[in-house]
Amino acid sequence: GINLYDKPANALTMLRNQVLGKDL
């Protein structure tokens, strides 16, 4: 549950919100 669902979703949310920004 952690490695297939939660952690990838957490990672992509972090990438979108804090690293790249939503538009990019």
PDBML (XML) file of the C-alpha atoms, coordinates in Angstrom:
<?xml version="1.0" encoding="UTF-8" ?>
<PDBx:datablock datablockName="MODEL"
   xmlns:PDBx="http://pdbml.pdb.org/schema/pdbx-v50.xsd"
   xmlns:xsi="http://www.w3.org/2001/XMLSchema-instance"
   xsi:schemaLocation="http://pdbml.pdb.org/schema/pdbx-v50.xsd pdbx-v50.xsd">
   <PDBx:atom_siteCategory>
      <PDBx:atom_site id="1">
         <PDBx:B_iso_or_equiv>0.00</PDBx:B_iso_or_equiv>
         <PDBx:Cartn_x>0.000</PDBx:Cartn_x>
         <PDBx:Cartn_y>0.000</PDBx:Cartn_y>
         <PDBx:Cartn_z>0.000</PDBx:Cartn_z>
         <PDBx:auth_asym_id>A</PDBx:auth_asym_id>
         <PDBx:auth_atom_id>CA</PDBx:auth_atom_id>
         <PDBx:auth_comp_id>GLY</PDBx:auth_comp_id>
         <PDBx:auth_seq_id>1</PDBx:auth_seq_id>
         <PDBx:group_PDB>ATOM</PDBx:group_PDB>
         <PDBx:label_alt_id xsi:nil="true" />
         <PDBx:label_asym_id>A</PDBx:label_asym_id>
         <PDBx:label_atom_id>CA</PDBx:label_atom_id>
         <PDBx:label_comp_id>GLY</PDBx:label_comp_id>
         <PDBx:label_entity_id>1</PDBx:label_entity_id>
         <PDBx:label_seq_id>1</PDBx:label_seq_id>
         <PDBx:occupancy>1.00</PDBx:occupancy>
         <PDBx:pdbx_PDB_model_num>1</PDBx:pdbx_PDB_model_num>
         <PDBx:type_symbol>C</PDBx:type_symbol>
      </PDBx:atom_site>
      <PDBx:atom_site id="2">
         <PDBx:B_iso_or_equiv>0.00</PDBx:B_iso_or_equiv>
         <PDBx:Cartn_x>2.824</PDBx:Cartn_x>
         <PDBx:Cartn_y>2.408</PDBx:Cartn_y>
         <PDBx:Cartn_z>0.781</PDBx:Cartn_z>
         <PDBx:auth_asym_id>A</PDBx:auth_asym_id>
         <PDBx:auth_atom_id>CA</PDBx:auth_atom_id>
         <PDBx:auth_comp_id>ILE</PDBx:auth_comp_id>
         <PDBx:auth_seq_id>2</PDBx:auth_seq_id>
         <PDBx:group_PDB>ATOM</PDBx:group_PDB>
         <PDBx:label_alt_id xsi:nil="true" />
         <PDBx:label_asym_id>A</PDBx:label_asym_id>
         <PDBx:label_atom_id>CA</PDBx:label_atom_id>
         <PDBx:label_comp_id>ILE</PDBx:label_comp_id>
         <PDBx:label_entity_id>1</PDBx:label_entity_id>
         <PDBx:label_seq_id>2</PDBx:label_seq_id>
         <PDBx:occupancy>1.00</PDBx:occupancy>
         <PDBx:pdbx_PDB_model_num>1</PDBx:pdbx_PDB_model_num>
         <PDBx:type_symbol>C</PDBx:type_symbol>
      </PDBx:atom_site>
      <PDBx:atom_site id="3">
         <PDBx:B_iso_or_equiv>0.00</PDBx:B_iso_or_equiv>
         <PDBx:Cartn_x>5.140</PDBx:Cartn_x>
         <PDBx:Cartn_y>1.787</PDBx:Cartn_y>
         <PDBx:Cartn_z>-2.171</PDBx:Cartn_z>
         <PDBx:auth_asym_id>A</PDBx:auth_asym_id>
         <PDBx:auth_atom_id>CA</PDBx:auth_atom_id>
         <PDBx:auth_comp_id>ASN</PDBx:auth_comp_id>
         <PDBx:auth_seq_id>3</PDBx:auth_seq_id>
         <PDBx:group_PDB>ATOM</PDBx:group_PDB>
         <PDBx:label_alt_id xsi:nil="true" />
         <PDBx:label_asym_id>A</PDBx:label_asym_id>
         <PDBx:label_atom_id>CA</PDBx:label_atom_id>
         <PDBx:label_comp_id>ASN</PDBx:label_comp_id>
         <PDBx:label_entity_id>1</PDBx:label_entity_id>
         <PDBx:label_seq_id>3</PDBx:label_seq_id>
         <PDBx:occupancy>1.00</PDBx:occupancy>
         <PDBx:pdbx_PDB_model_num>1</PDBx:pdbx_PDB_model_num>
         <PDBx:type_symbol>C</PDBx:type_symbol>
      </PDBx:atom_site>
      <PDBx:atom_site id="4">
         <PDBx:B_iso_or_equiv>0.00</PDBx:B_iso_or_equiv>
         <PDBx:Cartn_x>2.604</PDBx:Cartn_x>
         <PDBx:Cartn_y>1.179</PDBx:Cartn_y>
         <PDBx:Cartn_z>-4.923</PDBx:Cartn_z>
         <PDBx:auth_asym_id>A</PDBx:auth_asym_id>
         <PDBx:auth_atom_id>CA</PDBx:auth_atom_id>
         <PDBx:auth_comp_id>LEU</PDBx:auth_comp_id>
         <PDBx:auth_seq_id>4</PDBx:auth_seq_id>
         <PDBx:group_PDB>ATOM</PDBx:group_PDB>
         <PDBx:label_alt_id xsi:nil="true" />
         <PDBx:label_asym_id>A</PDBx:label_asym_id>
         <PDBx:label_atom_id>CA</PDBx:label_atom_id>
         <PDBx:label_comp_id>LEU</PDBx:label_comp_id>
         <PDBx:label_entity_id>1</PDBx:label_entity_id>
         <PDBx:label_seq_id>4</PDBx:label_seq_id>
         <PDBx:occupancy>1.00</PDBx:occupancy>
         <PDBx:pdbx_PDB_model_num>1</PDBx:pdbx_PDB_model_num>
         <PDBx:type_symbol>C</PDBx:type_symbol>
      </PDBx:atom_site>
      <PDBx:atom_site id="5">
         <PDBx:B_iso_or_equiv>0.00</PDBx:B_iso_or_equiv>
         <PDBx:Cartn_x>-0.022</PDBx:Cartn_x>
         <PDBx:Cartn_y>3.741</PDBx:Cartn_y>
         <PDBx:Cartn_z>-3.942</PDBx:Cartn_z>
         <PDBx:auth_asym_id>A</PDBx:auth_asym_id>
         <PDBx:auth_atom_id>CA</PDBx:auth_atom_id>
         <PDBx:auth_comp_id>TYR</PDBx:auth_comp_id>
         <PDBx:auth_seq_id>5</PDBx:auth_seq_id>
         <PDBx:group_PDB>ATOM</PDBx:group_PDB>
         <PDBx:label_alt_id xsi:nil="true" />
         <PDBx:label_asym_id>A</PDBx:label_asym_id>
         <PDBx:label_atom_id>CA</PDBx:label_atom_id>
         <PDBx:label_comp_id>TYR</PDBx:label_comp_id>
         <PDBx:label_entity_id>1</PDBx:label_entity_id>
         <PDBx:label_seq_id>5</PDBx:label_seq_id>
         <PDBx:occupancy>1.00</PDBx:occupancy>
         <PDBx:pdbx_PDB_model_num>1</PDBx:pdbx_PDB_model_num>
         <PDBx:type_symbol>C</PDBx:type_symbol>
      </PDBx:atom_site>
      <PDBx:atom_site id="6">
         <PDBx:B_iso_or_equiv>0.00</PDBx:B_iso_or_equiv>
         <PDBx:Cartn_x>0.899</PDBx:Cartn_x>
         <PDBx:Cartn_y>6.290</PDBx:Cartn_y>
         <PDBx:Cartn_z>-1.293</PDBx:Cartn_z>
         <PDBx:auth_asym_id>A</PDBx:auth_asym_id>
         <PDBx:auth_atom_id>CA</PDBx:auth_atom_id>
         <PDBx:auth_comp_id>ASP</PDBx:auth_comp_id>
         <PDBx:auth_seq_id>6</PDBx:auth_seq_id>
         <PDBx:group_PDB>ATOM</PDBx:group_PDB>
         <PDBx:label_alt_id xsi:nil="true" />
         <PDBx:label_asym_id>A</PDBx:label_asym_id>
         <PDBx:label_atom_id>CA</PDBx:label_atom_id>
         <PDBx:label_comp_id>ASP</PDBx:label_comp_id>
         <PDBx:label_entity_id>1</PDBx:label_entity_id>
         <PDBx:label_seq_id>6</PDBx:label_seq_id>
         <PDBx:occupancy>1.00</PDBx:occupancy>
         <PDBx:pdbx_PDB_model_num>1</PDBx:pdbx_PDB_model_num>
         <PDBx:type_symbol>C</PDBx:type_symbol>
      </PDBx:atom_site>
      <PDBx:atom_site id="7">
         <PDBx:B_iso_or_equiv>0.00</PDBx:B_iso_or_equiv>
         <PDBx:Cartn_x>4.563</PDBx:Cartn_x>
         <PDBx:Cartn_y>7.126</PDBx:Cartn_y>
         <PDBx:Cartn_z>-1.762</PDBx:Cartn_z>
         <PDBx:auth_asym_id>A</PDBx:auth_asym_id>
         <PDBx:auth_atom_id>CA</PDBx:auth_atom_id>
         <PDBx:auth_comp_id>LYS</PDBx:auth_comp_id>
         <PDBx:auth_seq_id>7</PDBx:auth_seq_id>
         <PDBx:group_PDB>ATOM</PDBx:group_PDB>
         <PDBx:label_alt_id xsi:nil="true" />
         <PDBx:label_asym_id>A</PDBx:label_asym_id>
         <PDBx:label_atom_id>CA</PDBx:label_atom_id>
         <PDBx:label_comp_id>LYS</PDBx:label_comp_id>
         <PDBx:label_entity_id>1</PDBx:label_entity_id>
         <PDBx:label_seq_id>7</PDBx:label_seq_id>
         <PDBx:occupancy>1.00</PDBx:occupancy>
         <PDBx:pdbx_PDB_model_num>1</PDBx:pdbx_PDB_model_num>
         <PDBx:type_symbol>C</PDBx:type_symbol>
      </PDBx:atom_site>
      <PDBx:atom_site id="8">
         <PDBx:B_iso_or_equiv>0.00</PDBx:B_iso_or_equiv>
         <PDBx:Cartn_x>4.449</PDBx:Cartn_x>
         <PDBx:Cartn_y>7.645</PDBx:Cartn_y>
         <PDBx:Cartn_z>-5.563</PDBx:Cartn_z>
         <PDBx:auth_asym_id>A</PDBx:auth_asym_id>
         <PDBx:auth_atom_id>CA</PDBx:auth_atom_id>
         <PDBx:auth_comp_id>PRO</PDBx:auth_comp_id>
         <PDBx:auth_seq_id>8</PDBx:auth_seq_id>
         <PDBx:group_PDB>ATOM</PDBx:group_PDB>
         <PDBx:label_alt_id xsi:nil="true" />
         <PDBx:label_asym_id>A</PDBx:label_asym_id>
         <PDBx:label_atom_id>CA</PDBx:label_atom_id>
         <PDBx:label_comp_id>PRO</PDBx:label_comp_id>
         <PDBx:label_entity_id>1</PDBx:label_entity_id>
         <PDBx:label_seq_id>8</PDBx:label_seq_id>
         <PDBx:occupancy>1.00</PDBx:occupancy>
         <PDBx:pdbx_PDB_model_num>1</PDBx:pdbx_PDB_model_num>
         <PDBx:type_symbol>C</PDBx:type_symbol>
      </PDBx:atom_site>
      <PDBx:atom_site id="9">
         <PDBx:B_iso_or_equiv>0.00</PDBx:B_iso_or_equiv>
         <PDBx:Cartn_x>1.355</PDBx:Cartn_x>
         <PDBx:Cartn_y>9.827</PDBx:Cartn_y>
         <PDBx:Cartn_z>-5.124</PDBx:Cartn_z>
         <PDBx:auth_asym_id>A</PDBx:auth_asym_id>
         <PDBx:auth_atom_id>CA</PDBx:auth_atom_id>
         <PDBx:auth_comp_id>ALA</PDBx:auth_comp_id>
         <PDBx:auth_seq_id>9</PDBx:auth_seq_id>
         <PDBx:group_PDB>ATOM</PDBx:group_PDB>
         <PDBx:label_alt_id xsi:nil="true" />
         <PDBx:label_asym_id>A</PDBx:label_asym_id>
         <PDBx:label_atom_id>CA</PDBx:label_atom_id>
         <PDBx:label_comp_id>ALA</PDBx:label_comp_id>
         <PDBx:label_entity_id>1</PDBx:label_entity_id>
         <PDBx:label_seq_id>9</PDBx:label_seq_id>
         <PDBx:occupancy>1.00</PDBx:occupancy>
         <PDBx:pdbx_PDB_model_num>1</PDBx:pdbx_PDB_model_num>
         <PDBx:type_symbol>C</PDBx:type_symbol>
      </PDBx:atom_site>
      <PDBx:atom_site id="10">
         <PDBx:B_iso_or_equiv>0.00</PDBx:B_iso_or_equiv>
         <PDBx:Cartn_x>3.135</PDBx:Cartn_x>
         <PDBx:Cartn_y>11.792</PDBx:Cartn_y>
         <PDBx:Cartn_z>-2.384</PDBx:Cartn_z>
         <PDBx:auth_asym_id>A</PDBx:auth_asym_id>
         <PDBx:auth_atom_id>CA</PDBx:auth_atom_id>
         <PDBx:auth_comp_id>ASN</PDBx:auth_comp_id>
         <PDBx:auth_seq_id>10</PDBx:auth_seq_id>
         <PDBx:group_PDB>ATOM</PDBx:group_PDB>
         <PDBx:label_alt_id xsi:nil="true" />
         <PDBx:label_asym_id>A</PDBx:label_asym_id>
         <PDBx:label_atom_id>CA</PDBx:label_atom_id>
         <PDBx:label_comp_id>ASN</PDBx:label_comp_id>
         <PDBx:label_entity_id>1</PDBx:label_entity_id>
         <PDBx:label_seq_id>10</PDBx:label_seq_id>
         <PDBx:occupancy>1.00</PDBx:occupancy>
         <PDBx:pdbx_PDB_model_num>1</PDBx:pdbx_PDB_model_num>
         <PDBx:type_symbol>C</PDBx:type_symbol>
      </PDBx:atom_site>
      <PDBx:atom_site id="11">
         <PDBx:B_iso_or_equiv>0.00</PDBx:B_iso_or_equiv>
         <PDBx:Cartn_x>6.199</PDBx:Cartn_x>
         <PDBx:Cartn_y>12.181</PDBx:Cartn_y>
         <PDBx:Cartn_z>-4.580</PDBx:Cartn_z>
         <PDBx:auth_asym_id>A</PDBx:auth_asym_id>
         <PDBx:auth_atom_id>CA</PDBx:auth_atom_id>
         <PDBx:auth_comp_id>ALA</PDBx:auth_comp_id>
         <PDBx:auth_seq_id>11</PDBx:auth_seq_id>
         <PDBx:group_PDB>ATOM</PDBx:group_PDB>
         <PDBx:label_alt_id xsi:nil="true" />
         <PDBx:label_asym_id>A</PDBx:label_asym_id>
         <PDBx:label_atom_id>CA</PDBx:label_atom_id>
         <PDBx:label_comp_id>ALA</PDBx:label_comp_id>
         <PDBx:label_entity_id>1</PDBx:label_entity_id>
         <PDBx:label_seq_id>11</PDBx:label_seq_id>
         <PDBx:occupancy>1.00</PDBx:occupancy>
         <PDBx:pdbx_PDB_model_num>1</PDBx:pdbx_PDB_model_num>
         <PDBx:type_symbol>C</PDBx:type_symbol>
      </PDBx:atom_site>
      <PDBx:atom_site id="12">
         <PDBx:B_iso_or_equiv>0.00</PDBx:B_iso_or_equiv>
         <PDBx:Cartn_x>4.289</PDBx:Cartn_x>
         <PDBx:Cartn_y>13.468</PDBx:Cartn_y>
         <PDBx:Cartn_z>-7.614</PDBx:Cartn_z>
         <PDBx:auth_asym_id>A</PDBx:auth_asym_id>
         <PDBx:auth_atom_id>CA</PDBx:auth_atom_id>
         <PDBx:auth_comp_id>LEU</PDBx:auth_comp_id>
         <PDBx:auth_seq_id>12</PDBx:auth_seq_id>
         <PDBx:group_PDB>ATOM</PDBx:group_PDB>
         <PDBx:label_alt_id xsi:nil="true" />
         <PDBx:label_asym_id>A</PDBx:label_asym_id>
         <PDBx:label_atom_id>CA</PDBx:label_atom_id>
         <PDBx:label_comp_id>LEU</PDBx:label_comp_id>
         <PDBx:label_entity_id>1</PDBx:label_entity_id>
         <PDBx:label_seq_id>12</PDBx:label_seq_id>
         <PDBx:occupancy>1.00</PDBx:occupancy>
         <PDBx:pdbx_PDB_model_num>1</PDBx:pdbx_PDB_model_num>
         <PDBx:type_symbol>C</PDBx:type_symbol>
      </PDBx:atom_site>
      <PDBx:atom_site id="13">
         <PDBx:B_iso_or_equiv>0.00</PDBx:B_iso_or_equiv>
         <PDBx:Cartn_x>2.270</PDBx:Cartn_x>
         <PDBx:Cartn_y>15.846</PDBx:Cartn_y>
         <PDBx:Cartn_z>-5.454</PDBx:Cartn_z>
         <PDBx:auth_asym_id>A</PDBx:auth_asym_id>
         <PDBx:auth_atom_id>CA</PDBx:auth_atom_id>
         <PDBx:auth_comp_id>THR</PDBx:auth_comp_id>
         <PDBx:auth_seq_id>13</PDBx:auth_seq_id>
         <PDBx:group_PDB>ATOM</PDBx:group_PDB>
         <PDBx:label_alt_id xsi:nil="true" />
         <PDBx:label_asym_id>A</PDBx:label_asym_id>
         <PDBx:label_atom_id>CA</PDBx:label_atom_id>
         <PDBx:label_comp_id>THR</PDBx:label_comp_id>
         <PDBx:label_entity_id>1</PDBx:label_entity_id>
         <PDBx:label_seq_id>13</PDBx:label_seq_id>
         <PDBx:occupancy>1.00</PDBx:occupancy>
         <PDBx:pdbx_PDB_model_num>1</PDBx:pdbx_PDB_model_num>
         <PDBx:type_symbol>C</PDBx:type_symbol>
      </PDBx:atom_site>
      <PDBx:atom_site id="14">
         <PDBx:B_iso_or_equiv>0.00</PDBx:B_iso_or_equiv>
         <PDBx:Cartn_x>5.519</PDBx:Cartn_x>
         <PDBx:Cartn_y>17.231</PDBx:Cartn_y>
         <PDBx:Cartn_z>-4.045</PDBx:Cartn_z>
         <PDBx:auth_asym_id>A</PDBx:auth_asym_id>
         <PDBx:auth_atom_id>CA</PDBx:auth_atom_id>
         <PDBx:auth_comp_id>MET</PDBx:auth_comp_id>
         <PDBx:auth_seq_id>14</PDBx:auth_seq_id>
         <PDBx:group_PDB>ATOM</PDBx:group_PDB>
         <PDBx:label_alt_id xsi:nil="true" />
         <PDBx:label_asym_id>A</PDBx:label_asym_id>
         <PDBx:label_atom_id>CA</PDBx:label_atom_id>
         <PDBx:label_comp_id>MET</PDBx:label_comp_id>
         <PDBx:label_entity_id>1</PDBx:label_entity_id>
         <PDBx:label_seq_id>14</PDBx:label_seq_id>
         <PDBx:occupancy>1.00</PDBx:occupancy>
         <PDBx:pdbx_PDB_model_num>1</PDBx:pdbx_PDB_model_num>
         <PDBx:type_symbol>C</PDBx:type_symbol>
      </PDBx:atom_site>
      <PDBx:atom_site id="15">
         <PDBx:B_iso_or_equiv>0.00</PDBx:B_iso_or_equiv>
         <PDBx:Cartn_x>7.001</PDBx:Cartn_x>
         <PDBx:Cartn_y>17.492</PDBx:Cartn_y>
         <PDBx:Cartn_z>-7.545</PDBx:Cartn_z>
         <PDBx:auth_asym_id>A</PDBx:auth_asym_id>
         <PDBx:auth_atom_id>CA</PDBx:auth_atom_id>
         <PDBx:auth_comp_id>LEU</PDBx:auth_comp_id>
         <PDBx:auth_seq_id>15</PDBx:auth_seq_id>
         <PDBx:group_PDB>ATOM</PDBx:group_PDB>
         <PDBx:label_alt_id xsi:nil="true" />
         <PDBx:label_asym_id>A</PDBx:label_asym_id>
         <PDBx:label_atom_id>CA</PDBx:label_atom_id>
         <PDBx:label_comp_id>LEU</PDBx:label_comp_id>
         <PDBx:label_entity_id>1</PDBx:label_entity_id>
         <PDBx:label_seq_id>15</PDBx:label_seq_id>
         <PDBx:occupancy>1.00</PDBx:occupancy>
         <PDBx:pdbx_PDB_model_num>1</PDBx:pdbx_PDB_model_num>
         <PDBx:type_symbol>C</PDBx:type_symbol>
      </PDBx:atom_site>
      <PDBx:atom_site id="16">
         <PDBx:B_iso_or_equiv>0.00</PDBx:B_iso_or_equiv>
         <PDBx:Cartn_x>3.920</PDBx:Cartn_x>
         <PDBx:Cartn_y>19.376</PDBx:Cartn_y>
         <PDBx:Cartn_z>-8.748</PDBx:Cartn_z>
         <PDBx:auth_asym_id>A</PDBx:auth_asym_id>
         <PDBx:auth_atom_id>CA</PDBx:auth_atom_id>
         <PDBx:auth_comp_id>ARG</PDBx:auth_comp_id>
         <PDBx:auth_seq_id>16</PDBx:auth_seq_id>
         <PDBx:group_PDB>ATOM</PDBx:group_PDB>
         <PDBx:label_alt_id xsi:nil="true" />
         <PDBx:label_asym_id>A</PDBx:label_asym_id>
         <PDBx:label_atom_id>CA</PDBx:label_atom_id>
         <PDBx:label_comp_id>ARG</PDBx:label_comp_id>
         <PDBx:label_entity_id>1</PDBx:label_entity_id>
         <PDBx:label_seq_id>16</PDBx:label_seq_id>
         <PDBx:occupancy>1.00</PDBx:occupancy>
         <PDBx:pdbx_PDB_model_num>1</PDBx:pdbx_PDB_model_num>
         <PDBx:type_symbol>C</PDBx:type_symbol>
      </PDBx:atom_site>
      <PDBx:atom_site id="17">
         <PDBx:B_iso_or_equiv>0.00</PDBx:B_iso_or_equiv>
         <PDBx:Cartn_x>3.380</PDBx:Cartn_x>
         <PDBx:Cartn_y>21.684</PDBx:Cartn_y>
         <PDBx:Cartn_z>-5.801</PDBx:Cartn_z>
         <PDBx:auth_asym_id>A</PDBx:auth_asym_id>
         <PDBx:auth_atom_id>CA</PDBx:auth_atom_id>
         <PDBx:auth_comp_id>ASN</PDBx:auth_comp_id>
         <PDBx:auth_seq_id>17</PDBx:auth_seq_id>
         <PDBx:group_PDB>ATOM</PDBx:group_PDB>
         <PDBx:label_alt_id xsi:nil="true" />
         <PDBx:label_asym_id>A</PDBx:label_asym_id>
         <PDBx:label_atom_id>CA</PDBx:label_atom_id>
         <PDBx:label_comp_id>ASN</PDBx:label_comp_id>
         <PDBx:label_entity_id>1</PDBx:label_entity_id>
         <PDBx:label_seq_id>17</PDBx:label_seq_id>
         <PDBx:occupancy>1.00</PDBx:occupancy>
         <PDBx:pdbx_PDB_model_num>1</PDBx:pdbx_PDB_model_num>
         <PDBx:type_symbol>C</PDBx:type_symbol>
      </PDBx:atom_site>
      <PDBx:atom_site id="18">
         <PDBx:B_iso_or_equiv>0.00</PDBx:B_iso_or_equiv>
         <PDBx:Cartn_x>6.877</PDBx:Cartn_x>
         <PDBx:Cartn_y>22.512</PDBx:Cartn_y>
         <PDBx:Cartn_z>-4.584</PDBx:Cartn_z>
         <PDBx:auth_asym_id>A</PDBx:auth_asym_id>
         <PDBx:auth_atom_id>CA</PDBx:auth_atom_id>
         <PDBx:auth_comp_id>GLN</PDBx:auth_comp_id>
         <PDBx:auth_seq_id>18</PDBx:auth_seq_id>
         <PDBx:group_PDB>ATOM</PDBx:group_PDB>
         <PDBx:label_alt_id xsi:nil="true" />
         <PDBx:label_asym_id>A</PDBx:label_asym_id>
         <PDBx:label_atom_id>CA</PDBx:label_atom_id>
         <PDBx:label_comp_id>GLN</PDBx:label_comp_id>
         <PDBx:label_entity_id>1</PDBx:label_entity_id>
         <PDBx:label_seq_id>18</PDBx:label_seq_id>
         <PDBx:occupancy>1.00</PDBx:occupancy>
         <PDBx:pdbx_PDB_model_num>1</PDBx:pdbx_PDB_model_num>
         <PDBx:type_symbol>C</PDBx:type_symbol>
      </PDBx:atom_site>
      <PDBx:atom_site id="19">
         <PDBx:B_iso_or_equiv>0.00</PDBx:B_iso_or_equiv>
         <PDBx:Cartn_x>9.469</PDBx:Cartn_x>
         <PDBx:Cartn_y>21.660</PDBx:Cartn_y>
         <PDBx:Cartn_z>-7.247</PDBx:Cartn_z>
         <PDBx:auth_asym_id>A</PDBx:auth_asym_id>
         <PDBx:auth_atom_id>CA</PDBx:auth_atom_id>
         <PDBx:auth_comp_id>VAL</PDBx:auth_comp_id>
         <PDBx:auth_seq_id>19</PDBx:auth_seq_id>
         <PDBx:group_PDB>ATOM</PDBx:group_PDB>
         <PDBx:label_alt_id xsi:nil="true" />
         <PDBx:label_asym_id>A</PDBx:label_asym_id>
         <PDBx:label_atom_id>CA</PDBx:label_atom_id>
         <PDBx:label_comp_id>VAL</PDBx:label_comp_id>
         <PDBx:label_entity_id>1</PDBx:label_entity_id>
         <PDBx:label_seq_id>19</PDBx:label_seq_id>
         <PDBx:occupancy>1.00</PDBx:occupancy>
         <PDBx:pdbx_PDB_model_num>1</PDBx:pdbx_PDB_model_num>
         <PDBx:type_symbol>C</PDBx:type_symbol>
      </PDBx:atom_site>
      <PDBx:atom_site id="20">
         <PDBx:B_iso_or_equiv>0.00</PDBx:B_iso_or_equiv>
         <PDBx:Cartn_x>8.109</PDBx:Cartn_x>
         <PDBx:Cartn_y>22.303</PDBx:Cartn_y>
         <PDBx:Cartn_z>-10.746</PDBx:Cartn_z>
         <PDBx:auth_asym_id>A</PDBx:auth_asym_id>
         <PDBx:auth_atom_id>CA</PDBx:auth_atom_id>
         <PDBx:auth_comp_id>LEU</PDBx:auth_comp_id>
         <PDBx:auth_seq_id>20</PDBx:auth_seq_id>
         <PDBx:group_PDB>ATOM</PDBx:group_PDB>
         <PDBx:label_alt_id xsi:nil="true" />
         <PDBx:label_asym_id>A</PDBx:label_asym_id>
         <PDBx:label_atom_id>CA</PDBx:label_atom_id>
         <PDBx:label_comp_id>LEU</PDBx:label_comp_id>
         <PDBx:label_entity_id>1</PDBx:label_entity_id>
         <PDBx:label_seq_id>20</PDBx:label_seq_id>
         <PDBx:occupancy>1.00</PDBx:occupancy>
         <PDBx:pdbx_PDB_model_num>1</PDBx:pdbx_PDB_model_num>
         <PDBx:type_symbol>C</PDBx:type_symbol>
      </PDBx:atom_site>
      <PDBx:atom_site id="21">
         <PDBx:B_iso_or_equiv>0.00</PDBx:B_iso_or_equiv>
         <PDBx:Cartn_x>4.914</PDBx:Cartn_x>
         <PDBx:Cartn_y>24.227</PDBx:Cartn_y>
         <PDBx:Cartn_z>-10.096</PDBx:Cartn_z>
         <PDBx:auth_asym_id>A</PDBx:auth_asym_id>
         <PDBx:auth_atom_id>CA</PDBx:auth_atom_id>
         <PDBx:auth_comp_id>GLY</PDBx:auth_comp_id>
         <PDBx:auth_seq_id>21</PDBx:auth_seq_id>
         <PDBx:group_PDB>ATOM</PDBx:group_PDB>
         <PDBx:label_alt_id xsi:nil="true" />
         <PDBx:label_asym_id>A</PDBx:label_asym_id>
         <PDBx:label_atom_id>CA</PDBx:label_atom_id>
         <PDBx:label_comp_id>GLY</PDBx:label_comp_id>
         <PDBx:label_entity_id>1</PDBx:label_entity_id>
         <PDBx:label_seq_id>21</PDBx:label_seq_id>
         <PDBx:occupancy>1.00</PDBx:occupancy>
         <PDBx:pdbx_PDB_model_num>1</PDBx:pdbx_PDB_model_num>
         <PDBx:type_symbol>C</PDBx:type_symbol>
      </PDBx:atom_site>
      <PDBx:atom_site id="22">
         <PDBx:B_iso_or_equiv>0.00</PDBx:B_iso_or_equiv>
         <PDBx:Cartn_x>1.477</PDBx:Cartn_x>
         <PDBx:Cartn_y>23.225</PDBx:Cartn_y>
         <PDBx:Cartn_z>-11.297</PDBx:Cartn_z>
         <PDBx:auth_asym_id>A</PDBx:auth_asym_id>
         <PDBx:auth_atom_id>CA</PDBx:auth_atom_id>
         <PDBx:auth_comp_id>LYS</PDBx:auth_comp_id>
         <PDBx:auth_seq_id>22</PDBx:auth_seq_id>
         <PDBx:group_PDB>ATOM</PDBx:group_PDB>
         <PDBx:label_alt_id xsi:nil="true" />
         <PDBx:label_asym_id>A</PDBx:label_asym_id>
         <PDBx:label_atom_id>CA</PDBx:label_atom_id>
         <PDBx:label_comp_id>LYS</PDBx:label_comp_id>
         <PDBx:label_entity_id>1</PDBx:label_entity_id>
         <PDBx:label_seq_id>22</PDBx:label_seq_id>
         <PDBx:occupancy>1.00</PDBx:occupancy>
         <PDBx:pdbx_PDB_model_num>1</PDBx:pdbx_PDB_model_num>
         <PDBx:type_symbol>C</PDBx:type_symbol>
      </PDBx:atom_site>
      <PDBx:atom_site id="23">
         <PDBx:B_iso_or_equiv>0.00</PDBx:B_iso_or_equiv>
         <PDBx:Cartn_x>1.610</PDBx:Cartn_x>
         <PDBx:Cartn_y>24.635</PDBx:Cartn_y>
         <PDBx:Cartn_z>-14.833</PDBx:Cartn_z>
         <PDBx:auth_asym_id>A</PDBx:auth_asym_id>
         <PDBx:auth_atom_id>CA</PDBx:auth_atom_id>
         <PDBx:auth_comp_id>ASP</PDBx:auth_comp_id>
         <PDBx:auth_seq_id>23</PDBx:auth_seq_id>
         <PDBx:group_PDB>ATOM</PDBx:group_PDB>
         <PDBx:label_alt_id xsi:nil="true" />
         <PDBx:label_asym_id>A</PDBx:label_asym_id>
         <PDBx:label_atom_id>CA</PDBx:label_atom_id>
         <PDBx:label_comp_id>ASP</PDBx:label_comp_id>
         <PDBx:label_entity_id>1</PDBx:label_entity_id>
         <PDBx:label_seq_id>23</PDBx:label_seq_id>
         <PDBx:occupancy>1.00</PDBx:occupancy>
         <PDBx:pdbx_PDB_model_num>1</PDBx:pdbx_PDB_model_num>
         <PDBx:type_symbol>C</PDBx:type_symbol>
      </PDBx:atom_site>
      <PDBx:atom_site id="24">
         <PDBx:B_iso_or_equiv>0.00</PDBx:B_iso_or_equiv>
         <PDBx:Cartn_x>4.961</PDBx:Cartn_x>
         <PDBx:Cartn_y>23.091</PDBx:Cartn_y>
         <PDBx:Cartn_z>-15.755</PDBx:Cartn_z>
         <PDBx:auth_asym_id>A</PDBx:auth_asym_id>
         <PDBx:auth_atom_id>CA</PDBx:auth_atom_id>
         <PDBx:auth_comp_id>LEU</PDBx:auth_comp_id>
         <PDBx:auth_seq_id>24</PDBx:auth_seq_id>
         <PDBx:group_PDB>ATOM</PDBx:group_PDB>
         <PDBx:label_alt_id xsi:nil="true" />
         <PDBx:label_asym_id>A</PDBx:label_asym_id>
         <PDBx:label_atom_id>CA</PDBx:label_atom_id>
         <PDBx:label_comp_id>LEU</PDBx:label_comp_id>
         <PDBx:label_entity_id>1</PDBx:label_entity_id>
         <PDBx:label_seq_id>24</PDBx:label_seq_id>
         <PDBx:occupancy>1.00</PDBx:occupancy>
         <PDBx:pdbx_PDB_model_num>1</PDBx:pdbx_PDB_model_num>
         <PDBx:type_symbol>C</PDBx:type_symbol>
      </PDBx:atom_site>
   </PDBx:atom_siteCategory>
</PDBx:datablock>
